[in-house]
C-alpha atoms as a PDB file:
ATOM      1  CA  MET A   1      -8.247 -29.925  -6.796  1.00  0.00           C
ATOM      2  CA  SER A   2     -10.910 -27.835  -8.019  1.00  0.00           C
ATOM      3  CA  LYS A   3     -10.480 -24.775 -10.043  1.00  0.00           C
ATOM      4  CA  LEU A   4     -10.673 -21.658  -7.888  1.00  0.00           C
ATOM      5  CA  ASN A   5     -11.786 -19.318 -10.202  1.00  0.00           C
ATOM      6  CA  THR A   6     -14.899 -18.656  -7.967  1.00  0.00           C
ATOM      7  CA  PHE A   7     -12.714 -17.806  -4.634  1.00  0.00           C
ATOM      8  CA  SER A   8      -9.852 -15.663  -6.850  1.00  0.00           C
ATOM      9  CA  THR A   9     -10.850 -12.214  -5.368  1.00  0.00           C
ATOM     10  CA  THR A  10     -12.454 -13.539  -2.020  1.00  0.00           C
ATOM     11  CA  LEU A  11     -10.086 -16.054  -0.524  1.00  0.00           C
ATOM     12  CA  LYS A  12      -7.843 -14.675   1.912  1.00  0.00           C
ATOM     13  CA  LYS A  13      -6.626 -18.065   3.671  1.00  0.00           C
ATOM     14  CA  LEU A  14      -6.021 -21.798   2.252  1.00  0.00           C
ATOM     15  CA  ASP A  15      -5.469 -23.951   4.981  1.00  0.00           C
ATOM     16  CA  ILE A  16      -5.665 -27.964   3.588  1.00  0.00           C
ATOM     17  CA  ARG A  17      -2.751 -29.434   5.872  1.00  0.00           C
ATOM     18  CA  TYR A  18      -1.864 -33.199   5.968  1.00  0.00           C
ATOM     19  CA  ASN A  19      -4.212 -34.354   3.697  1.00  0.00           C
ATOM     20  CA  SER A  20      -3.470 -36.219   0.319  1.00  0.00           C
ATOM     21  CA  PHE A  21      -2.846 -33.825  -2.317  1.00  0.00           C
ATOM     22  CA  GLN A  22      -0.538 -33.914  -4.873  1.00  0.00           C
ATOM     23  CA  SER A  23       0.783 -31.494  -7.638  1.00  0.00           C
ATOM     24  CA  PHE A  24      -0.981 -28.811  -5.515  1.00  0.00           C
ATOM     25  CA  MET A  25      -2.775 -26.396  -8.351  1.00  0.00           C
ATOM     26  CA  PRO A  26      -0.811 -25.242 -11.575  1.00  0.00           C
ATOM     27  CA  ASN A  27       0.939 -21.789 -11.965  1.00  0.00           C
ATOM     28  CA  GLU A  28      -1.569 -19.959 -13.520  1.00  0.00           C
ATOM     29  CA  GLU A  29      -4.187 -21.056 -10.872  1.00  0.00           C
ATOM     30  CA  LEU A  30      -1.752 -19.725  -8.294  1.00  0.00           C
ATOM     31  CA  GLY A  31      -1.902 -16.393 -10.590  1.00  0.00           C
ATOM     32  CA  ILE A  32      -5.880 -15.850  -9.872  1.00  0.00           C
ATOM     33  CA  LEU A  33      -5.331 -15.767  -5.783  1.00  0.00           C
ATOM     34  CA  ARG A  34      -4.497 -11.878  -6.323  1.00  0.00           C
ATOM     35  CA  ASN A  35      -5.909 -11.740  -2.092  1.00  0.00           C
ATOM     36  CA  ILE A  36      -4.603 -14.863  -0.602  1.00  0.00           C
ATOM     37  CA  LYS A  37      -2.479 -13.978   2.236  1.00  0.00           C
ATOM     38  CA  TYR A  38      -2.102 -17.218   4.455  1.00  0.00           C
ATOM     39  CA  LEU A  39      -1.428 -20.937   2.230  1.00  0.00           C
ATOM     40  CA  LEU A  40      -0.664 -23.547   4.753  1.00  0.00           C
ATOM     41  CA  LEU A  41      -0.254 -26.779   2.722  1.00  0.00           C
ATOM     42  CA  ASP A  42       2.440 -28.438   5.353  1.00  0.00           C
ATOM     43  CA  GLY A  43       2.072 -32.567   4.810  1.00  0.00           C
ATOM     44  CA  ASN A  44       0.669 -32.748   1.031  1.00  0.00           C
ATOM     45  CA  THR A  45       2.958 -33.599  -2.033  1.00  0.00           C
ATOM     46  CA  LEU A  46       3.949 -30.703  -3.830  1.00  0.00           C
ATOM     47  CA  ASP A  47       5.034 -30.100  -7.521  1.00  0.00           C
ATOM     48  CA  LYS A  48       8.761 -29.161  -7.679  1.00  0.00           C
ATOM     49  CA  ASN A  49       8.072 -26.097  -9.397  1.00  0.00           C
ATOM     50  CA  PHE A  50       5.850 -25.113  -6.386  1.00  0.00           C
ATOM     51  CA  LEU A  51       8.299 -22.309  -4.517  1.00  0.00           C
ATOM     52  CA  GLN A  52       8.622 -20.456  -8.052  1.00  0.00           C
ATOM     53  CA  SER A  53       4.630 -20.460  -8.617  1.00  0.00           C
ATOM     54  CA  SER A  54       4.011 -19.433  -5.199  1.00  0.00           C
ATOM     55  CA  GLY A  55       5.571 -15.901  -6.119  1.00  0.00           C
ATOM     56  CA  VAL A  56       2.828 -15.050  -8.723  1.00  0.00           C
ATOM     57  CA  MET A  57       0.600 -14.522  -5.335  1.00  0.00           C
ATOM     58  CA  PRO A  58       1.100 -11.158  -4.486  1.00  0.00           C
ATOM     59  CA  SER A  59      -0.598 -10.456  -1.125  1.00  0.00           C
ATOM     60  CA  LEU A  60       1.117 -13.948   0.215  1.00  0.00           C
ATOM     61  CA  LYS A  61       2.188 -13.146   3.666  1.00  0.00           C
ATOM     62  CA  VAL A  62       2.166 -16.725   5.030  1.00  0.00           C
ATOM     63  CA  LEU A  63       3.346 -19.464   3.557  1.00  0.00           C
ATOM     64  CA  SER A  64       3.857 -22.820   5.226  1.00  0.00           C
ATOM     65  CA  VAL A  65       4.772 -26.111   3.347  1.00  0.00           C
ATOM     66  CA  ALA A  66       6.447 -28.317   6.185  1.00  0.00           C
ATOM     67  CA  ASN A  67       6.628 -32.193   5.132  1.00  0.00           C
ATOM     68  CA  CYS A  68       5.950 -31.571   1.687  1.00  0.00           C
ATOM     69  CA  GLY A  69       9.028 -33.706   0.406  1.00  0.00           C
ATOM     70  CA  LEU A  70      10.686 -30.879  -1.311  1.00  0.00           C
ATOM     71  CA  THR A  71      14.610 -31.418  -2.604  1.00  0.00           C
ATOM     72  CA  GLY A  72      16.971 -29.524  -3.877  1.00  0.00           C
ATOM     73  CA  THR A  73      18.676 -25.732  -2.886  1.00  0.00           C
ATOM     74  CA  LEU A  74      17.195 -22.991  -1.936  1.00  0.00           C
ATOM     75  CA  PRO A  75      15.734 -21.410  -3.985  1.00  0.00           C
ATOM     76  CA  ILE A  76      14.633 -22.100  -7.673  1.00  0.00           C
ATOM     77  CA  GLN A  77      15.965 -21.971 -11.163  1.00  0.00           C
ATOM     78  CA  ASP A  78      15.085 -23.978 -13.873  1.00  0.00           C
ATOM     79  CA  ASN A  79      12.455 -25.866 -12.424  1.00  0.00           C
ATOM     80  CA  LYS A  80      14.854 -27.622  -9.885  1.00  0.00           C
ATOM     81  CA  LEU A  81      15.107 -26.291  -6.063  1.00  0.00           C
ATOM     82  CA  SER A  82      18.332 -24.324  -7.073  1.00  0.00           C
ATOM     83  CA  GLY A  83      19.273 -20.725  -7.837  1.00  0.00           C
ATOM     84  CA  GLU A  84      17.751 -18.002  -5.531  1.00  0.00           C
ATOM     85  CA  LEU A  85      14.489 -17.829  -3.405  1.00  0.00           C
ATOM     86  CA  PRO A  86      12.134 -16.361  -6.042  1.00  0.00           C
ATOM     87  CA  ILE A  87      12.385 -12.424  -5.779  1.00  0.00           C
ATOM     88  CA  GLU A  88       8.818 -11.950  -6.570  1.00  0.00           C
ATOM     89  CA  LEU A  89       7.652 -13.891  -3.274  1.00  0.00           C
ATOM     90  CA  ALA A  90      10.209 -11.828  -1.186  1.00  0.00           C
ATOM     91  CA  ARG A  91       8.728  -8.604  -2.874  1.00  0.00           C
ATOM     92  CA  ASN A  92       5.490  -9.724  -1.524  1.00  0.00           C
ATOM     93  CA  GLY A  93       6.412  -8.583   1.962  1.00  0.00           C
ATOM     94  CA  LEU A  94       6.179 -12.287   3.111  1.00  0.00           C
ATOM     95  CA  PHE A  95       6.473 -12.300   7.117  1.00  0.00           C
ATOM     96  CA  PHE A  96       6.121 -16.139   7.848  1.00  0.00           C
ATOM     97  CA  LEU A  97       8.139 -18.961   5.811  1.00  0.00           C
ATOM     98  CA  ARG A  98       8.010 -22.163   6.913  1.00  0.00           C
ATOM     99  CA  LEU A  99      10.234 -24.697   4.770  1.00  0.00           C
ATOM    100  CA  SER A 100      10.867 -27.279   7.691  1.00  0.00           C
ATOM    101  CA  ASN A 101      11.209 -31.243   7.331  1.00  0.00           C
ATOM    102  CA  ASN A 102      11.885 -31.100   3.523  1.00  0.00           C
ATOM    103  CA  MET A 103      15.400 -32.527   1.959  1.00  0.00           C
ATOM    104  CA  LEU A 104      16.184 -29.058   0.952  1.00  0.00           C
ATOM    105  CA  GLU A 105      20.027 -28.326   0.637  1.00  0.00           C
ATOM    106  CA  GLY A 106      22.712 -25.809   0.053  1.00  0.00           C
ATOM    107  CA  GLU A 107      23.219 -22.396   1.498  1.00  0.00           C
ATOM    108  CA  ILE A 108      20.692 -20.579   3.109  1.00  0.00           C
ATOM    109  CA  PHE A 109      19.566 -17.304   1.166  1.00  0.00           C
ATOM    110  CA  GLN A 110      22.232 -17.077  -1.853  1.00  0.00           C
ATOM    111  CA  GLY A 111      22.654 -13.604  -3.080  1.00  0.00           C
ATOM    112  CA  SER A 112      20.850 -10.781  -2.865  1.00  0.00           C
ATOM    113  CA  THR A 113      17.139 -11.891  -2.024  1.00  0.00           C
ATOM    114  CA  ASN A 114      15.019  -9.458   0.241  1.00  0.00           C
ATOM    115  CA  ILE A 115      14.281 -10.603   3.487  1.00  0.00           C
ATOM    116  CA  ASN A 116      13.298  -7.504   5.061  1.00  0.00           C
ATOM    117  CA  ASN A 117       9.942  -8.067   5.951  1.00  0.00           C
ATOM    118  CA  LEU A 118      10.195 -11.899   7.503  1.00  0.00           C
ATOM    119  CA  GLN A 119       9.507 -12.164  11.196  1.00  0.00           C
ATOM    120  CA  TYR A 120       9.224 -15.598  11.346  1.00  0.00           C
ATOM    121  CA  LEU A 121      11.578 -18.381   9.768  1.00  0.00           C
ATOM    122  CA  TYR A 122      11.421 -21.734  10.206  1.00  0.00           C
ATOM    123  CA  LEU A 123      14.154 -23.634   7.884  1.00  0.00           C
ATOM    124  CA  ASP A 124      14.492 -26.597  10.681  1.00  0.00           C
ATOM    125  CA  GLY A 125      15.032 -30.626   9.459  1.00  0.00           C
ATOM    126  CA  ASN A 126      16.476 -29.913   6.359  1.00  0.00           C
ATOM    127  CA  ASN A 127      20.380 -30.428   5.012  1.00  0.00           C
ATOM    128  CA  PHE A 128      21.539 -26.591   4.566  1.00  0.00           C
ATOM    129  CA  SER A 129      25.087 -25.965   4.901  1.00  0.00           C
ATOM    130  CA  GLY A 130      27.614 -23.143   5.176  1.00  0.00           C
ATOM    131  CA  SER A 131      27.560 -20.338   7.642  1.00  0.00           C
ATOM    132  CA  ILE A 132      24.410 -19.103   8.715  1.00  0.00           C
ATOM    133  CA  PRO A 133      24.056 -15.649   6.563  1.00  0.00           C
ATOM    134  CA  GLN A 134      24.538 -12.439   8.073  1.00  0.00           C
ATOM    135  CA  LYS A 135      21.686 -10.848   5.839  1.00  0.00           C
ATOM    136  CA  LEU A 136      19.199 -12.546   8.293  1.00  0.00           C
ATOM    137  CA  SER A 137      20.044  -9.339  10.635  1.00  0.00           C
ATOM    138  CA  SER A 138      18.504  -7.390   8.673  1.00  0.00           C
ATOM    139  CA  ALA A 139      14.942  -8.713   9.122  1.00  0.00           C
ATOM    140  CA  PRO A 140      12.890  -8.023  12.200  1.00  0.00           C
ATOM    141  CA  LEU A 141      12.920 -11.465  12.924  1.00  0.00           C
ATOM    142  CA  SER A 142      10.684 -12.708  15.935  1.00  0.00           C
ATOM    143  CA  SER A 143      11.658 -16.468  15.708  1.00  0.00           C
ATOM    144  CA  LEU A 144      14.520 -18.188  14.022  1.00  0.00           C
ATOM    145  CA  ASP A 145      14.599 -22.088  13.768  1.00  0.00           C
ATOM    146  CA  LEU A 146      17.477 -23.436  11.633  1.00  0.00           C
ATOM    147  CA  SER A 147      17.703 -26.434  13.852  1.00  0.00           C
ATOM    148  CA  ASN A 148      18.888 -30.105  12.682  1.00  0.00           C
ATOM    149  CA  ASN A 149      20.766 -29.048   9.760  1.00  0.00           C
ATOM    150  CA  SER A 150      24.488 -29.423   8.449  1.00  0.00           C
ATOM    151  CA  LEU A 151      25.307 -25.455   8.991  1.00  0.00           C
ATOM    152  CA  SER A 152      29.055 -25.018  10.626  1.00  0.00           C
ATOM    153  CA  GLY A 153      31.318 -22.253  11.498  1.00  0.00           C
ATOM    154  CA  ASN A 154      31.481 -20.106  14.929  1.00  0.00           C
ATOM    155  CA  LEU A 155      28.119 -19.068  16.399  1.00  0.00           C
ATOM    156  CA  PRO A 156      27.315 -15.827  14.906  1.00  0.00           C
ATOM    157  CA  SER A 157      27.752 -12.667  17.635  1.00  0.00           C
ATOM    158  CA  TRP A 158      25.690 -10.641  15.111  1.00  0.00           C
ATOM    159  CA  ILE A 159      22.474 -12.567  16.021  1.00  0.00           C
ATOM    160  CA  GLY A 160      22.272 -10.547  19.173  1.00  0.00           C
ATOM    161  CA  TYR A 161      21.569  -7.562  17.114  1.00  0.00           C
ATOM    162  CA  ILE A 162      17.995  -8.748  16.236  1.00  0.00           C
ATOM    163  CA  PRO A 163      16.252  -7.019  19.348  1.00  0.00           C
ATOM    164  CA  SER A 164      12.829  -8.100  18.072  1.00  0.00           C
ATOM    165  CA  LEU A 165      13.856 -11.864  18.663  1.00  0.00           C
ATOM    166  CA  THR A 166      11.808 -14.118  21.090  1.00  0.00           C
ATOM    167  CA  SER A 167      12.734 -17.780  20.008  1.00  0.00           C
ATOM    168  CA  LEU A 168      16.106 -18.581  18.491  1.00  0.00           C
ATOM    169  CA  ALA A 169      16.781 -22.527  17.820  1.00  0.00           C
ATOM    170  CA  LEU A 170      20.018 -23.908  16.191  1.00  0.00           C
ATOM    171  CA  SER A 171      20.608 -27.024  17.562  1.00  0.00           C
ATOM    172  CA  ARG A 172      21.579 -30.109  16.009  1.00  0.00           C
ATOM    173  CA  ASN A 173      24.369 -28.409  13.465  1.00  0.00           C
ATOM    174  CA  HIS A 174      27.931 -28.284  13.769  1.00  0.00           C
ATOM    175  CA  LEU A 175      28.339 -24.772  14.995  1.00  0.00           C
ATOM    176  CA  LYS A 176      31.329 -23.971  17.252  1.00  0.00           C
ATOM    177  CA  GLY A 177      33.075 -21.712  19.361  1.00  0.00           C
ATOM    178  CA  PRO A 178      31.515 -20.041  22.712  1.00  0.00           C
ATOM    179  CA  ILE A 179      28.388 -18.197  23.229  1.00  0.00           C
ATOM    180  CA  PRO A 180      28.538 -14.765  22.168  1.00  0.00           C
ATOM    181  CA  ALA A 181      28.398 -12.063  25.172  1.00  0.00           C
ATOM    182  CA  ASP A 182      26.148 -10.297  22.480  1.00  0.00           C
ATOM    183  CA  TYR A 183      23.466 -12.430  22.890  1.00  0.00           C
ATOM    184  CA  CYS A 184      22.461 -11.155  26.208  1.00  0.00           C
ATOM    185  CA  ARG A 185      21.378  -8.087  24.059  1.00  0.00           C
ATOM    186  CA  LEU A 186      17.953 -10.225  23.343  1.00  0.00           C
ATOM    187  CA  GLU A 187      15.953  -8.926  26.104  1.00  0.00           C
ATOM    188  CA  LYS A 188      12.729 -10.215  24.542  1.00  0.00           C
ATOM    189  CA  LEU A 189      14.445 -13.968  24.295  1.00  0.00           C
ATOM    190  CA  GLU A 190      12.646 -16.698  25.731  1.00  0.00           C
ATOM    191  CA  VAL A 191      13.261 -19.990  24.238  1.00  0.00           C
ATOM    192  CA  LEU A 192      17.169 -20.054  23.511  1.00  0.00           C
ATOM    193  CA  ASP A 193      18.155 -23.661  22.020  1.00  0.00           C
ATOM    194  CA  LEU A 194      21.702 -24.201  21.136  1.00  0.00           C
ATOM    195  CA  SER A 195      21.603 -28.250  22.086  1.00  0.00           C
ATOM    196  CA  ARG A 196      23.744 -30.452  20.105  1.00  0.00           C
ATOM    197  CA  ASN A 197      26.365 -28.399  18.467  1.00  0.00           C
ATOM    198  CA  ASN A 198      30.333 -28.036  19.212  1.00  0.00           C
ATOM    199  CA  LEU A 199      30.257 -24.827  21.706  1.00  0.00           C
ATOM    200  CA  VAL A 200      32.986 -24.254  24.120  1.00  0.00           C
ATOM    201  CA  GLY A 201      33.601 -21.930  26.945  1.00  0.00           C
ATOM    202  CA  VAL A 202      31.428 -20.544  29.553  1.00  0.00           C
ATOM    203  CA  ILE A 203      27.689 -18.994  29.567  1.00  0.00           C
ATOM    204  CA  PRO A 204      28.759 -15.493  29.399  1.00  0.00           C
ATOM    205  CA  SER A 205      27.842 -13.710  32.962  1.00  0.00           C
ATOM    206  CA  CYS A 206      25.916 -10.934  31.171  1.00  0.00           C
ATOM    207  CA  PHE A 207      23.022 -13.347  30.916  1.00  0.00           C
ATOM    208  CA  SER A 208      22.231 -12.421  34.605  1.00  0.00           C
ATOM    209  CA  ALA A 209      20.248  -9.688  33.020  1.00  0.00           C
ATOM    210  CA  SER A 210      18.013 -12.205  30.984  1.00  0.00           C
ATOM    211  CA  GLN A 211      14.903 -12.014  32.721  1.00  0.00           C
ATOM    212  CA  ASN A 212      12.260 -13.373  30.088  1.00  0.00           C
ATOM    213  CA  LEU A 213      14.249 -16.585  29.580  1.00  0.00           C
ATOM    214  CA  LYS A 214      11.438 -19.245  29.568  1.00  0.00           C
ATOM    215  CA  ARG A 215      13.193 -22.301  28.310  1.00  0.00           C
ATOM    216  CA  VAL A 216      17.155 -22.801  27.919  1.00  0.00           C
ATOM    217  CA  TYR A 217      18.530 -25.704  25.956  1.00  0.00           C
ATOM    218  CA  LEU A 218      22.262 -26.368  26.025  1.00  0.00           C
ATOM    219  CA  SER A 219      22.774 -30.102  26.233  1.00  0.00           C
ATOM    220  CA  LYS A 220      25.318 -32.116  24.575  1.00  0.00           C
ATOM    221  CA  ASN A 221      28.102 -29.161  23.833  1.00  0.00           C
ATOM    222  CA  ASN A 222      31.728 -28.808  25.713  1.00  0.00           C
ATOM    223  CA  LEU A 223      30.159 -25.654  27.906  1.00  0.00           C
ATOM    224  CA  ARG A 224      32.122 -25.597  31.429  1.00  0.00           C
ATOM    225  CA  GLY A 225      31.700 -23.913  34.511  1.00  0.00           C
ATOM    226  CA  GLN A 226      28.940 -22.458  36.602  1.00  0.00           C
ATOM    227  CA  PHE A 227      25.480 -21.662  35.239  1.00  0.00           C
ATOM    228  CA  ASP A 228      24.442 -19.174  38.262  1.00  0.00           C
ATOM    229  CA  VAL A 229      23.755 -16.953  35.592  1.00  0.00           C
ATOM    230  CA  PHE A 230      20.254 -17.439  35.393  1.00  0.00           C
ATOM    231  CA  SER A 231      19.617 -16.958  38.838  1.00  0.00           C
ATOM    232  CA  ASN A 232      17.660 -13.919  38.050  1.00  0.00           C
ATOM    233  CA  SER A 233      15.320 -15.746  35.297  1.00  0.00           C
ATOM    234  CA  SER A 234      12.741 -15.698  37.752  1.00  0.00           C
ATOM    235  CA  ASN A 235      10.479 -17.015  34.494  1.00  0.00           C
ATOM    236  CA  LEU A 236      12.704 -19.935  33.672  1.00  0.00           C
ATOM    237  CA  LYS A 237      10.784 -23.283  33.058  1.00  0.00           C
ATOM    238  CA  VAL A 238      12.729 -25.515  31.461  1.00  0.00           C
ATOM    239  CA  LEU A 239      16.642 -25.849  32.065  1.00  0.00           C
ATOM    240  CA  ASP A 240      18.590 -28.598  29.867  1.00  0.00           C
ATOM    241  CA  LEU A 241      22.112 -28.585  30.476  1.00  0.00           C
ATOM    242  CA  LYS A 242      22.987 -32.125  30.060  1.00  0.00           C
ATOM    243  CA  ASP A 243      25.990 -33.888  28.606  1.00  0.00           C
ATOM    244  CA  ASN A 244      28.817 -30.801  29.022  1.00  0.00           C
ATOM    245  CA  ASN A 245      31.157 -30.342  31.535  1.00  0.00           C
ATOM    246  CA  PHE A 246      29.784 -28.190  34.380  1.00  0.00           C
ATOM    247  CA  THR A 247      31.495 -28.117  37.541  1.00  0.00           C
ATOM    248  CA  GLY A 248      30.684 -26.821  41.240  1.00  0.00           C
ATOM    249  CA  SER A 249      27.592 -27.609  43.260  1.00  0.00           C
ATOM    250  CA  ILE A 250      23.446 -27.433  42.085  1.00  0.00           C
ATOM    251  CA  PRO A 251      22.514 -24.160  43.135  1.00  0.00           C
ATOM    252  CA  LYS A 252      20.021 -23.471  45.757  1.00  0.00           C
ATOM    253  CA  TRP A 253      18.041 -20.434  43.694  1.00  0.00           C
ATOM    254  CA  LEU A 254      17.141 -23.405  41.930  1.00  0.00           C
ATOM    255  CA  GLY A 255      14.290 -23.833  44.179  1.00  0.00           C
ATOM    256  CA  SER A 256      12.884 -20.281  44.567  1.00  0.00           C
ATOM    257  CA  ILE A 257      11.579 -20.086  40.959  1.00  0.00           C
ATOM    258  CA  GLU A 258       8.881 -21.741  39.283  1.00  0.00           C
ATOM    259  CA  ILE A 259      10.703 -24.347  36.962  1.00  0.00           C
ATOM    260  CA  THR A 260       9.052 -27.677  35.650  1.00  0.00           C
ATOM    261  CA  THR A 261      12.143 -29.312  33.923  1.00  0.00           C
ATOM    262  CA  LEU A 262      15.387 -29.706  35.465  1.00  0.00           C
ATOM    263  CA  LEU A 263      17.543 -31.888  33.347  1.00  0.00           C
ATOM    264  CA  LEU A 264      21.599 -31.543  34.535  1.00  0.00           C
ATOM    265  CA  LYS A 265      22.936 -35.557  33.462  1.00  0.00           C
ATOM    266  CA  GLY A 266      26.427 -35.944  32.602  1.00  0.00           C
ATOM    267  CA  ASN A 267      28.083 -33.102  34.249  1.00  0.00           C
ATOM    268  CA  TYR A 268      30.470 -33.223  36.668  1.00  0.00           C
ATOM    269  CA  PHE A 269      28.487 -31.796  39.451  1.00  0.00           C
ATOM    270  CA  GLN A 270      29.670 -32.296  43.011  1.00  0.00           C
ATOM    271  CA  GLY A 271      28.109 -31.960  46.837  1.00  0.00           C
ATOM    272  CA  THR A 272      24.744 -32.802  47.998  1.00  0.00           C
ATOM    273  CA  ILE A 273      21.320 -32.371  46.209  1.00  0.00           C
ATOM    274  CA  PRO A 274      19.958 -29.069  47.969  1.00  0.00           C
ATOM    275  CA  THR A 275      16.739 -29.512  50.158  1.00  0.00           C
ATOM    276  CA  GLU A 276      15.926 -25.997  48.562  1.00  0.00           C
ATOM    277  CA  LEU A 277      14.704 -27.858  45.448  1.00  0.00           C
ATOM    278  CA  CYS A 278      12.048 -29.511  47.450  1.00  0.00           C
ATOM    279  CA  TYR A 279      10.124 -26.050  47.223  1.00  0.00           C
ATOM    280  CA  ALA A 280      10.184 -26.123  43.392  1.00  0.00           C
ATOM    281  CA  SER A 281       6.462 -27.117  43.440  1.00  0.00           C
ATOM    282  CA  GLU A 282       5.861 -26.696  39.982  1.00  0.00           C
ATOM    283  CA  LEU A 283       8.849 -29.103  39.144  1.00  0.00           C
ATOM    284  CA  ARG A 284       7.789 -32.509  37.414  1.00  0.00           C
ATOM    285  CA  ILE A 285      11.084 -33.800  35.447  1.00  0.00           C
ATOM    286  CA  MET A 286      14.466 -33.531  37.048  1.00  0.00           C
ATOM    287  CA  ASP A 287      17.355 -35.922  36.128  1.00  0.00           C
ATOM    288  CA  LEU A 288      20.902 -35.719  37.978  1.00  0.00           C
ATOM    289  CA  SER A 289      22.379 -38.959  36.981  1.00  0.00           C
ATOM    290  CA  HIS A 290      25.904 -39.297  35.941  1.00  0.00           C
ATOM    291  CA  ASN A 291      27.397 -36.699  38.155  1.00  0.00           C
ATOM    292  CA  ASN A 292      29.835 -36.617  41.478  1.00  0.00           C
ATOM    293  CA  LEU A 293      27.010 -35.893  43.781  1.00  0.00           C
ATOM    294  CA  LEU A 294      26.825 -37.705  47.288  1.00  0.00           C
ATOM    295  CA  GLY A 295      24.815 -37.879  50.605  1.00  0.00           C
ATOM    296  CA  PRO A 296      20.827 -38.417  50.634  1.00  0.00           C
ATOM    297  CA  ILE A 297      18.625 -38.002  48.114  1.00  0.00           C
ATOM    298  CA  PRO A 298      16.126 -35.153  50.181  1.00  0.00           C
ATOM    299  CA  HIS A 299      12.844 -37.030  51.741  1.00  0.00           C
ATOM    300  CA  CYS A 300      10.862 -34.218  51.035  1.00  0.00           C
ATOM    301  CA  PHE A 301      11.069 -34.938  47.054  1.00  0.00           C
ATOM    302  CA  GLY A 302       8.152 -37.514  47.941  1.00  0.00           C
ATOM    303  CA  ASN A 303       6.010 -34.501  48.972  1.00  0.00           C
ATOM    304  CA  ILE A 304       6.197 -32.675  45.382  1.00  0.00           C
ATOM    305  CA  MET A 305       2.993 -32.852  43.980  1.00  0.00           C
ATOM    306  CA  GLN A 306       1.459 -32.815  40.329  1.00  0.00           C
ATOM    307  CA  ILE A 307      -0.702 -29.920  39.254  1.00  0.00           C
ATOM    308  CA  GLU A 308      -2.072 -30.514  36.033  1.00  0.00           C
ATOM    309  CA  GLY A 309      -2.166 -29.007  32.952  1.00  0.00           C
ATOM    310  CA  ILE A 310       1.137 -27.206  33.351  1.00  0.00           C
ATOM    311  CA  SER A 311       2.336 -27.582  29.904  1.00  0.00           C
ATOM    312  CA  GLU A 312       2.535 -24.386  27.932  1.00  0.00           C
ATOM    313  CA  ALA A 313       2.007 -23.346  24.397  1.00  0.00           C
ATOM    314  CA  TYR A 314       5.114 -22.366  22.482  1.00  0.00           C
ATOM    315  CA  PRO A 315       3.786 -22.534  18.952  1.00  0.00           C
ATOM    316  CA  TYR A 316       7.129 -20.807  17.306  1.00  0.00           C
ATOM    317  CA  GLY A 317       9.245 -22.525  19.665  1.00  0.00           C
ATOM    318  CA  PRO A 318      11.286 -25.819  19.650  1.00  0.00           C
ATOM    319  CA  ILE A 319       9.070 -28.959  21.048  1.00  0.00           C
ATOM    320  CA  PHE A 320      10.502 -30.065  23.929  1.00  0.00           C
ATOM    321  CA  SER A 321      10.869 -33.720  24.051  1.00  0.00           C
ATOM    322  CA  TYR A 322      12.850 -36.358  26.898  1.00  0.00           C
ATOM    323  CA  PRO A 323      13.295 -39.989  25.846  1.00  0.00           C
ATOM    324  CA  ARG A 324      11.727 -42.298  28.316  1.00  0.00           C
ATOM    325  CA  LEU A 325       9.862 -39.547  30.219  1.00  0.00           C
ATOM    326  CA  GLN A 326       6.413 -39.188  27.741  1.00  0.00           C
ATOM    327  CA  THR A 327       3.963 -38.979  30.549  1.00  0.00           C
ATOM    328  CA  TRP A 328       3.016 -36.008  32.284  1.00  0.00           C
ATOM    329  CA  GLY A 329       0.691 -37.580  35.117  1.00  0.00           C
ATOM    330  CA  ARG A 330       0.510 -37.124  38.425  1.00  0.00           C
ATOM    331  CA  ASP A 331       3.858 -38.934  39.207  1.00  0.00           C
ATOM    332  CA  THR A 332       6.936 -36.778  39.100  1.00  0.00           C
ATOM    333  CA  MET A 333      10.008 -38.314  37.400  1.00  0.00           C
ATOM    334  CA  ILE A 334      13.294 -38.126  39.302  1.00  0.00           C
ATOM    335  CA  TYR A 335      16.183 -39.353  37.846  1.00  0.00           C
ATOM    336  CA  VAL A 336      19.509 -39.646  39.890  1.00  0.00           C
ATOM    337  CA  GLU A 337      21.125 -43.186  39.169  1.00  0.00           C
ATOM    338  CA  ASP A 338      25.063 -43.260  38.661  1.00  0.00           C
ATOM    339  CA  SER A 339      25.272 -40.133  40.349  1.00  0.00           C
ATOM    340  CA  MET A 340      25.136 -40.924  44.392  1.00  0.00           C
ATOM    341  CA  GLU A 341      28.076 -41.858  46.184  1.00  0.00           C
END
């Protein structure tokens, strides 16, 4: 890239995401960007020293370097991505950090790195290991995404004491244990994704007071019991409980909320499909297959009509996708195969 001296004092936001820039710029050029606040470089090829170099920008608030081929461990030392995250970067008051989909490894935030200003942290799609560090509890996090790593240990209860959390994504790790009841303290939580771990036990009954939940992903665990705890979540749009050990009947209250996606595949639900589901006018995708259901499929399902433009924007939440069901057109998707007797 050409020299940036001309804009050294005026440039506040630089967005060059998904180009073909390589070795973005040397350390001395980063240092002249004294007032840069937003640096968005996703999808480019960055020098291995980049993260350490970024620490020289005193005004930096938002740093996004997803899909940049970064390797090593967090943070940086001896020209490799190892050691601690540069303390200069933490002192900057950085509140948005995205390092998604690189090849970073090791433990998250080793040492005494100051993260007290972080509100949005995305480390998903790497190979971080170890437990989730408790020092994150001191940050005023609104969105935390550590999904698709190799994190282990029990699901930490102290996460329930981050009152500012609106989105929590810990899917595709090796986390175990029950869902802590302390998570019911997260009154602002809208997105909860704990799917594809080794969680056991029942969903804490105190979730009945979680009225702000919009998207819940708990699939592919070993959870059991029933899920009436979400009956008061009137804003619930997506409920994904597939491939667990849930039992009982499909609750009738699902027909009284504006749910769009209901995935109950691969559990042990019994009884008939409640006709109350016919009143779920926003329902677009439903998968009830691989259960122990019996009786007829309600004829009223044919009256469920599609409404255009129902997708919602969650810029800081997990991206929802469902294999084989990629179309959000006028056809409602209903799967009940291998479930009815």
